[in-house]
Amino acid sequence: MGIFAELAGQVRGGEFVPIEFDLADDLAHWRAEIRGKVKAFADNLSARDAFRWA
C-alpha cells in the first residue's frame, strides 16, 4: 500500500478527470480546477503589497 493510502485510510477507487490549469505568462497568478470537485487560485504579492499588509 502506498504512503498516501496509508495516511488516507481505505481507498475505495479512483477516476480519471480533466484538470484545467492556467498560469499567467508573468507568473503573477495561477488557477486550477477539477470541474464539480475543486477550484484553486492564487495571486502573487509584490514587495509593495507585502509591505502594505505588514
N, C-alpha and C. Protein backbone atom coordinates (compact mmCIF):
# COMPACT_ATOMS: atom_id res chain seq x y z
N MET A 1 0.86 -1.18 0.00
CA MET A 1 0.00 0.00 0.00
C MET A 1 0.90 1.23 0.00
N GLY A 2 0.52 2.24 -0.79
CA GLY A 2 1.31 3.45 -0.89
C GLY A 2 1.20 4.31 0.36
N ILE A 3 2.11 5.24 0.49
CA ILE A 3 2.14 6.12 1.66
C ILE A 3 0.86 6.93 1.75
N PHE A 4 0.39 7.48 0.62
CA PHE A 4 -0.85 8.26 0.64
C PHE A 4 -2.02 7.41 1.12
N ALA A 5 -2.12 6.19 0.62
CA ALA A 5 -3.22 5.31 1.01
C ALA A 5 -3.15 5.00 2.50
N GLU A 6 -1.95 4.82 3.02
CA GLU A 6 -1.82 4.57 4.46
C GLU A 6 -2.31 5.76 5.28
N LEU A 7 -2.02 6.97 4.81
CA LEU A 7 -2.44 8.16 5.52
C LEU A 7 -3.95 8.41 5.37
N ALA A 8 -4.49 8.10 4.21
CA ALA A 8 -5.90 8.38 3.95
C ALA A 8 -6.82 7.29 4.46
N GLY A 9 -6.31 6.15 4.75
CA GLY A 9 -7.16 5.05 5.19
C GLY A 9 -7.53 4.16 4.01
N GLN A 10 -8.71 3.63 4.04
CA GLN A 10 -9.13 2.72 2.99
C GLN A 10 -9.43 3.49 1.70
N VAL A 11 -8.85 3.05 0.61
CA VAL A 11 -9.08 3.67 -0.69
C VAL A 11 -10.16 2.86 -1.41
N ARG A 12 -11.20 3.53 -1.86
CA ARG A 12 -12.34 2.84 -2.47
C ARG A 12 -12.45 3.06 -3.96
N GLY A 13 -11.41 3.42 -4.61
CA GLY A 13 -11.45 3.57 -6.06
C GLY A 13 -10.89 4.91 -6.50
N GLY A 14 -10.89 5.12 -7.77
CA GLY A 14 -10.37 6.36 -8.32
C GLY A 14 -11.02 6.59 -9.67
N GLU A 15 -10.81 7.76 -10.21
CA GLU A 15 -11.35 8.08 -11.51
C GLU A 15 -10.42 9.05 -12.21
N PHE A 16 -10.44 9.05 -13.52
CA PHE A 16 -9.67 9.98 -14.31
C PHE A 16 -10.57 11.17 -14.64
N VAL A 17 -10.08 12.37 -14.37
CA VAL A 17 -10.85 13.59 -14.63
C VAL A 17 -9.93 14.62 -15.28
N PRO A 18 -10.49 15.46 -16.14
CA PRO A 18 -9.66 16.52 -16.72
C PRO A 18 -9.37 17.60 -15.68
N ILE A 19 -8.16 18.10 -15.69
CA ILE A 19 -7.75 19.17 -14.79
C ILE A 19 -7.40 20.38 -15.66
N GLU A 20 -8.09 21.50 -15.43
CA GLU A 20 -7.78 22.74 -16.13
C GLU A 20 -6.76 23.51 -15.29
N PHE A 21 -5.72 23.99 -15.94
CA PHE A 21 -4.68 24.74 -15.24
C PHE A 21 -4.24 25.91 -16.10
N ASP A 22 -4.26 27.10 -15.54
CA ASP A 22 -3.80 28.30 -16.23
C ASP A 22 -2.73 28.97 -15.40
N LEU A 23 -1.68 29.41 -16.07
CA LEU A 23 -0.58 30.12 -15.41
C LEU A 23 -0.29 31.36 -16.23
N ALA A 24 -0.28 32.51 -15.60
CA ALA A 24 -0.02 33.76 -16.30
C ALA A 24 1.40 33.77 -16.86
N ASP A 25 1.57 34.40 -18.01
CA ASP A 25 2.90 34.47 -18.63
C ASP A 25 3.93 35.10 -17.71
N ASP A 26 3.51 36.08 -16.91
CA ASP A 26 4.43 36.74 -15.99
C ASP A 26 4.46 36.09 -14.61
N LEU A 27 3.81 34.93 -14.47
CA LEU A 27 3.74 34.16 -13.23
C LEU A 27 3.05 34.91 -12.09
N ALA A 28 2.25 35.92 -12.43
CA ALA A 28 1.59 36.73 -11.40
C ALA A 28 0.44 36.00 -10.75
N HIS A 29 -0.16 35.03 -11.44
CA HIS A 29 -1.26 34.27 -10.84
C HIS A 29 -1.41 32.93 -11.55
N TRP A 30 -2.12 32.03 -10.88
CA TRP A 30 -2.44 30.74 -11.48
C TRP A 30 -3.83 30.32 -11.03
N ARG A 31 -4.40 29.37 -11.76
CA ARG A 31 -5.73 28.86 -11.46
C ARG A 31 -5.79 27.39 -11.87
N ALA A 32 -6.41 26.57 -11.04
CA ALA A 32 -6.61 25.15 -11.36
C ALA A 32 -8.04 24.77 -11.00
N GLU A 33 -8.61 23.86 -11.78
CA GLU A 33 -9.99 23.43 -11.50
C GLU A 33 -10.20 22.00 -11.95
N ILE A 34 -10.85 21.24 -11.09
CA ILE A 34 -11.41 19.93 -11.46
C ILE A 34 -12.91 20.15 -11.37
N ARG A 35 -13.54 20.24 -12.54
CA ARG A 35 -14.94 20.64 -12.62
C ARG A 35 -15.84 19.83 -11.71
N GLY A 36 -16.60 20.54 -10.88
CA GLY A 36 -17.53 19.90 -9.97
C GLY A 36 -16.90 19.36 -8.70
N LYS A 37 -15.57 19.50 -8.58
CA LYS A 37 -14.87 18.96 -7.40
C LYS A 37 -14.16 20.04 -6.61
N VAL A 38 -13.25 20.77 -7.27
CA VAL A 38 -12.42 21.73 -6.55
C VAL A 38 -11.95 22.84 -7.49
N LYS A 39 -11.80 24.05 -6.93
CA LYS A 39 -11.21 25.18 -7.64
C LYS A 39 -10.12 25.75 -6.74
N ALA A 40 -9.02 26.16 -7.34
CA ALA A 40 -7.93 26.76 -6.58
C ALA A 40 -7.32 27.88 -7.41
N PHE A 41 -6.88 28.94 -6.74
CA PHE A 41 -6.23 30.03 -7.44
C PHE A 41 -5.34 30.79 -6.47
N ALA A 42 -4.40 31.52 -7.03
CA ALA A 42 -3.51 32.34 -6.20
C ALA A 42 -2.98 33.50 -7.02
N ASP A 43 -2.77 34.61 -6.35
CA ASP A 43 -2.12 35.78 -6.91
C ASP A 43 -0.87 36.03 -6.09
N ASN A 44 0.21 36.41 -6.77
CA ASN A 44 1.41 36.68 -6.00
C ASN A 44 1.33 38.05 -5.35
N LEU A 45 2.09 38.26 -4.33
CA LEU A 45 2.19 39.56 -3.67
C LEU A 45 3.50 40.21 -4.11
N SER A 46 3.39 41.43 -4.58
CA SER A 46 4.62 42.15 -4.90
C SER A 46 5.22 42.65 -3.58
N ALA A 47 6.41 43.14 -3.63
CA ALA A 47 7.04 43.67 -2.43
C ALA A 47 6.21 44.82 -1.88
N ARG A 48 5.64 45.63 -2.76
CA ARG A 48 4.81 46.75 -2.31
C ARG A 48 3.58 46.24 -1.57
N ASP A 49 2.89 45.19 -2.09
CA ASP A 49 1.72 44.63 -1.42
C ASP A 49 2.07 44.02 -0.08
N ALA A 50 3.18 43.31 -0.03
CA ALA A 50 3.60 42.66 1.22
C ALA A 50 3.89 43.71 2.28
N PHE A 51 4.51 44.82 1.90
CA PHE A 51 4.81 45.87 2.85
C PHE A 51 3.52 46.50 3.38
N ARG A 52 2.53 46.67 2.50
CA ARG A 52 1.27 47.28 2.91
C ARG A 52 0.53 46.39 3.90
N TRP A 53 0.66 45.07 3.80
CA TRP A 53 -0.03 44.14 4.70
C TRP A 53 0.67 44.00 6.05
N ALA A 54 1.95 44.31 6.09
CA ALA A 54 2.73 44.09 7.32
C ALA A 54 2.39 45.10 8.37
